[in-house]
């Protein structure tokens, strides 16, 4: 099942994607406006909404749909640095014993078909296509053997990185507003029983820049959930970006930086394609 977040009459909503349309679920309970994060957080609520919408025809067309980041307000955005073997080699490093975790602010997020900002302060905006894990069941100190049972689903992500700022501080270089698209939708975990079998491809203006199987992760998804939940409690709607493979713009010769008018695509098999246009920050 695909679940997308979007605007209906200017208000946030979410629904089940069916073909070229969506069945809105967020307004099925009178007096409540429910986000996808809300539906994941309240036990049984998503199933209730799906039951209330059983047999309903799509009420929104995907053509012209104003998407929102699939999780509009994650409590935590946890990201893993240098987690693909090929990316580690690209940086001249060995396999890391523990995941290198950093965080992003919520205002970094951009929706599918939205505009990704190249900041005024830099010309070195780089792409990092990634698979994101959406937490469905919270917990602390989750064992790796149980970790996938805590996953609600998976989606596409670009960890937009401002390279000259990263040289000074990882926090600053990773947290410029509107630099990190998330979407277009979440595919529920029951449809992806083994995420290691997925394949990720990043394209810039139609040219393939990154391509890798998720099985090339140094720290796989159960290990990431176990590790992250060791130092912080995970909650429904939290997202974990699992890292990017080789091919980033900074490691190319000549280097490739995204610029105004470029189109970036992150495609993951069994999920779909996240597409965004780059614009200069006003």
Protein backbone atom coordinates (compact mmCIF):
# COMPACT_ATOMS: atom_id res chain seq x y z
CA UNK A 1 0.00 0.00 0.00
CA UNK A 2 1.21 3.49 -0.87
CA UNK A 3 0.35 6.35 1.49
CA UNK A 4 0.94 9.96 0.42
CA UNK A 5 0.60 13.31 2.17
CA UNK A 6 -0.80 16.28 0.23
CA UNK A 7 -2.96 19.39 0.38
CA UNK A 8 -6.75 19.38 0.01
CA UNK A 9 -8.25 22.87 -0.25
CA UNK A 10 -5.10 24.23 1.32
CA UNK A 11 -5.22 21.86 4.31
CA UNK A 12 -2.82 18.98 5.04
CA UNK A 13 -4.23 15.54 4.29
CA UNK A 14 -3.09 12.03 3.51
CA UNK A 15 -4.49 9.14 1.56
CA UNK A 16 -4.02 5.76 -0.05
CA UNK A 17 -2.64 5.91 -3.59
CA UNK A 18 -4.60 3.86 -6.11
CA UNK A 19 -3.55 3.97 -9.76
CA UNK A 20 -3.44 7.63 -10.79
CA UNK A 21 -5.48 8.82 -7.84
CA UNK A 22 -5.66 8.90 -4.05
CA UNK A 23 -8.41 8.02 -1.60
CA UNK A 24 -8.21 10.63 1.16
CA UNK A 25 -8.20 9.03 4.63
CA UNK A 26 -7.45 11.97 6.90
CA UNK A 27 -11.01 13.31 7.11
CA UNK A 28 -12.91 10.05 7.68
CA UNK A 29 -13.57 10.71 11.37
CA UNK A 30 -15.84 13.69 11.91
CA UNK A 31 -14.20 16.55 13.74
CA UNK A 32 -10.66 15.26 13.23
CA UNK A 33 -7.99 16.18 10.73
CA UNK A 34 -5.44 13.38 10.89
CA UNK A 35 -1.88 13.34 9.52
CA UNK A 36 -0.06 10.20 8.48
CA UNK A 37 2.14 10.57 11.55
CA UNK A 38 -1.02 10.73 13.72
CA UNK A 39 -2.36 7.59 12.05
CA UNK A 40 0.87 5.73 12.78
CA UNK A 41 1.09 6.96 16.37
CA UNK A 42 -2.40 5.98 17.53
CA UNK A 43 -2.81 2.23 17.73
CA UNK A 44 -5.46 0.93 15.36
CA UNK A 45 -6.21 4.35 13.84
CA UNK A 46 -4.81 3.65 10.37
CA UNK A 47 -6.79 0.41 10.14
CA UNK A 48 -9.91 2.27 11.25
CA UNK A 49 -9.43 4.91 8.55
CA UNK A 50 -8.84 2.25 5.91
CA UNK A 51 -12.03 0.43 6.98
CA UNK A 52 -14.03 3.66 6.83
CA UNK A 53 -12.75 4.22 3.30
CA UNK A 54 -13.31 0.64 2.12
CA UNK A 55 -14.74 0.64 -1.40
CA UNK A 56 -14.27 4.40 -1.85
CA UNK A 57 -13.17 5.70 -5.23
CA UNK A 58 -10.17 8.06 -5.48
CA UNK A 59 -11.20 11.65 -4.72
CA UNK A 60 -7.87 13.21 -5.75
CA UNK A 61 -5.95 12.87 -9.00
CA UNK A 62 -2.18 12.51 -8.82
CA UNK A 63 -1.95 14.82 -11.81
CA UNK A 64 -1.45 18.26 -10.33
CA UNK A 65 -1.58 16.97 -6.74
CA UNK A 66 0.17 19.32 -4.32
CA UNK A 67 2.30 16.84 -2.40
CA UNK A 68 3.68 17.34 1.09
CA UNK A 69 6.70 15.55 2.55
CA UNK A 70 5.28 12.10 3.22
CA UNK A 71 5.83 12.61 6.96
CA UNK A 72 5.21 16.31 7.36
CA UNK A 73 6.40 16.68 10.95
CA UNK A 74 8.77 13.89 12.00
CA UNK A 75 9.87 14.15 15.59
CA UNK A 76 13.34 13.00 14.59
CA UNK A 77 15.22 12.98 11.28
CA UNK A 78 18.18 10.68 11.86
CA UNK A 79 20.72 10.33 9.05
CA UNK A 80 23.64 7.97 8.57
CA UNK A 81 26.88 9.29 7.13
CA UNK A 82 29.04 7.13 4.82
CA UNK A 83 27.08 3.89 5.16
CA UNK A 84 27.59 2.33 1.71
CA UNK A 85 30.81 0.42 1.13
CA UNK A 86 31.29 2.19 -2.21
CA UNK A 87 30.83 5.62 -0.61
CA UNK A 88 33.35 4.75 2.12
CA UNK A 89 35.83 3.76 -0.59
CA UNK A 90 35.06 7.02 -2.41
CA UNK A 91 36.12 8.85 0.76
CA UNK A 92 39.17 6.62 1.23
CA UNK A 93 37.82 5.09 4.43
CA UNK A 94 37.31 1.60 5.80
CA UNK A 95 34.14 0.00 7.13
CA UNK A 96 33.02 1.92 10.23
CA UNK A 97 32.50 -0.09 13.40
CA UNK A 98 29.47 2.01 14.43
CA UNK A 99 27.05 4.11 12.35
CA UNK A 100 27.89 7.80 12.09
CA UNK A 101 24.60 9.51 12.97
CA UNK A 102 23.67 13.15 12.42
CA UNK A 103 20.33 14.96 12.45
CA UNK A 104 18.39 17.30 10.21
CA UNK A 105 15.83 19.99 11.02
CA UNK A 106 12.25 19.55 9.83
CA UNK A 107 12.38 22.70 7.69
CA UNK A 108 14.94 20.96 5.46
CA UNK A 109 12.16 18.79 4.05
CA UNK A 110 10.67 19.33 0.59
CA UNK A 111 7.77 17.52 -1.07
CA UNK A 112 7.81 15.49 -4.26
CA UNK A 113 7.51 17.81 -7.28
CA UNK A 114 8.50 20.68 -5.00
CA UNK A 115 11.37 23.13 -5.29
CA UNK A 116 14.72 22.35 -3.72
CA UNK A 117 16.62 25.52 -2.81
CA UNK A 118 20.22 26.24 -3.75
CA UNK A 119 21.15 28.54 -0.85
CA UNK A 120 22.28 32.09 -1.36
CA UNK A 121 25.31 31.38 0.81
CA UNK A 122 26.85 28.69 -1.41
CA UNK A 123 27.12 27.28 -4.91
CA UNK A 124 28.10 23.81 -3.67
CA UNK A 125 24.70 22.11 -3.32
CA UNK A 126 25.22 18.36 -3.69
CA UNK A 127 22.86 15.37 -3.98
CA UNK A 128 22.76 12.20 -1.90
CA UNK A 129 19.99 9.80 -2.92
CA UNK A 130 18.87 7.62 -0.01
CA UNK A 131 16.35 5.08 1.22
CA UNK A 132 14.39 6.26 4.26
CA UNK A 133 12.86 4.07 6.94
CA UNK A 134 9.65 5.36 8.55
CA UNK A 135 9.12 4.14 12.11
CA UNK A 136 5.66 2.78 12.84
CA UNK A 137 6.07 1.38 16.34
CA UNK A 138 8.21 3.21 18.84
CA UNK A 139 10.70 1.77 21.26
CA UNK A 140 14.01 2.01 23.08
CA UNK A 141 16.89 -0.47 22.85
CA UNK A 142 15.14 -2.42 20.07
CA UNK A 143 17.03 -5.65 19.25
CA UNK A 144 18.06 -6.02 15.62
CA UNK A 145 16.09 -9.27 15.38
CA UNK A 146 12.85 -7.36 16.14
CA UNK A 147 13.70 -4.14 14.33
CA UNK A 148 11.76 -4.64 11.09
CA UNK A 149 8.55 -5.11 13.09
CA UNK A 150 8.93 -1.45 14.14
CA UNK A 151 8.97 -0.21 10.51
CA UNK A 152 5.83 1.35 9.03
CA UNK A 153 7.28 1.68 5.55
CA UNK A 154 9.91 3.06 3.21
CA UNK A 155 10.30 6.10 1.00
CA UNK A 156 12.83 8.05 -1.10
CA UNK A 157 14.99 10.90 0.14
CA UNK A 158 17.72 13.27 -0.97
CA UNK A 159 20.10 14.36 1.76
CA UNK A 160 20.90 17.77 0.27
CA UNK A 161 24.41 18.73 1.33
CA UNK A 162 26.14 22.12 1.13
CA UNK A 163 29.73 20.99 0.80
CA UNK A 164 31.72 24.12 1.64
CA UNK A 165 29.74 24.51 4.88
CA UNK A 166 30.23 20.82 5.73
CA UNK A 167 33.99 21.43 5.73
CA UNK A 168 33.42 23.70 8.72
CA UNK A 169 30.49 21.97 10.41
CA UNK A 170 28.37 18.95 9.49
CA UNK A 171 25.35 20.46 11.24
CA UNK A 172 25.39 23.64 9.16
CA UNK A 173 26.10 21.93 5.84
CA UNK A 174 23.25 19.48 6.31
CA UNK A 175 20.55 21.86 7.56
CA UNK A 176 19.86 24.56 5.00
CA UNK A 177 16.08 25.00 4.51
CA UNK A 178 14.30 23.22 1.66
CA UNK A 179 17.29 21.10 0.65
CA UNK A 180 16.03 17.59 1.45
CA UNK A 181 13.11 16.13 -0.53
CA UNK A 182 11.11 13.24 0.99
CA UNK A 183 8.52 11.16 -0.89
CA UNK A 184 6.61 10.81 -3.11
CA UNK A 185 4.84 8.34 -0.80
CA UNK A 186 5.51 5.68 1.79
CA UNK A 187 5.23 2.06 0.71
CA UNK A 188 4.12 -0.01 3.69
CA UNK A 189 6.53 -2.56 5.10
CA UNK A 190 4.32 -5.55 4.25
CA UNK A 191 5.09 -4.90 0.56
CA UNK A 192 8.86 -4.74 1.18
CA UNK A 193 9.68 -7.67 3.49
CA UNK A 194 13.41 -7.46 2.68
CA UNK A 195 14.61 -3.88 2.06
CA UNK A 196 18.13 -5.12 1.27
CA UNK A 197 16.79 -6.26 -2.11
CA UNK A 198 15.91 -2.72 -3.18
CA UNK A 199 17.94 -0.76 -5.74
CA UNK A 200 18.59 2.99 -5.58
CA UNK A 201 19.28 5.25 -8.56
CA UNK A 202 19.92 9.01 -8.55
CA UNK A 203 19.66 11.03 -11.76
CA UNK A 204 20.48 14.67 -12.41
CA UNK A 205 18.88 16.10 -15.56
CA UNK A 206 18.31 12.55 -16.73
CA UNK A 207 21.93 11.44 -16.28
CA UNK A 208 22.55 8.57 -13.87
CA UNK A 209 24.80 9.72 -11.03
CA UNK A 210 24.33 7.00 -8.41
CA UNK A 211 23.23 3.37 -8.66
CA UNK A 212 23.48 0.68 -6.00
CA UNK A 213 21.71 -2.16 -4.30
CA UNK A 214 20.72 -1.47 -0.70
CA UNK A 215 22.54 -4.70 0.17
CA UNK A 216 25.76 -2.62 -0.03
CA UNK A 217 24.97 -0.90 3.28
CA UNK A 218 27.70 -1.40 5.88
CA UNK A 219 25.12 -1.15 8.66
CA UNK A 220 21.81 -2.63 7.52
CA UNK A 221 18.39 -1.39 8.55
CA UNK A 222 17.91 -3.68 11.58
CA UNK A 223 21.36 -2.64 12.84
CA UNK A 224 20.53 1.06 12.35
CA UNK A 225 17.25 0.76 14.25
CA UNK A 226 18.99 -1.10 17.05
CA UNK A 227 21.77 1.48 17.27
CA UNK A 228 19.56 4.58 17.02
CA UNK A 229 17.14 3.25 19.61
CA UNK A 230 20.08 2.70 21.96
CA UNK A 231 20.75 6.42 22.37
CA UNK A 232 17.26 7.86 21.74
CA UNK A 233 13.71 6.49 21.92
CA UNK A 234 12.19 6.04 18.48
CA UNK A 235 8.59 7.15 17.95
CA UNK A 236 6.02 6.63 15.19
CA UNK A 237 6.74 8.99 12.31
CA UNK A 238 10.46 9.27 13.04
CA UNK A 239 12.57 8.74 9.94
CA UNK A 240 16.00 7.20 9.45
CA UNK A 241 17.87 8.06 6.25
CA UNK A 242 20.15 5.10 5.61
CA UNK A 243 23.03 6.70 3.70
CA UNK A 244 24.06 7.28 0.09
CA UNK A 245 26.17 5.25 -2.36
CA UNK A 246 29.11 6.51 -4.41
CA UNK A 247 28.68 9.09 -7.17
CA UNK A 248 28.08 12.32 -5.24
CA UNK A 249 28.95 15.54 -7.04
CA UNK A 250 31.82 16.42 -4.71
CA UNK A 251 33.77 13.29 -5.66
CA UNK A 252 33.43 13.71 -9.42
CA UNK A 253 36.06 15.15 -11.72
CA UNK A 254 35.09 17.84 -12.46
CA UNK A 255 32.84 18.33 -9.45
CA UNK A 256 29.10 18.58 -10.12
CA UNK A 257 26.99 21.05 -8.15
CA UNK A 258 23.25 21.40 -8.59
CA UNK A 259 22.11 24.70 -10.06
CA UNK A 260 18.97 26.66 -10.83
CA UNK A 261 16.72 24.76 -13.25
CA UNK A 262 18.24 21.32 -12.69
CA UNK A 263 15.93 18.35 -12.12
CA UNK A 264 16.89 15.73 -9.54
CA UNK A 265 15.35 12.26 -9.36
CA UNK A 266 15.82 9.59 -6.70
CA UNK A 267 14.29 6.28 -7.77
CA UNK A 268 14.05 3.20 -5.56
CA UNK A 269 12.71 -0.08 -6.88
CA UNK A 270 9.31 -1.13 -5.46
CA UNK A 271 8.77 2.44 -4.17
CA UNK A 272 8.86 4.97 -7.01
CA UNK A 273 10.61 8.15 -8.10
CA UNK A 274 11.07 11.33 -6.07
CA UNK A 275 11.44 14.28 -8.44
CA UNK A 276 12.39 17.88 -7.66
CA UNK A 277 13.48 21.04 -9.44
CA UNK A 278 16.38 23.10 -8.15
CA UNK A 279 15.84 26.86 -7.76
CA UNK A 280 18.01 29.60 -6.36
CA UNK A 281 16.93 30.74 -2.91
CA UNK A 282 15.09 34.05 -3.18
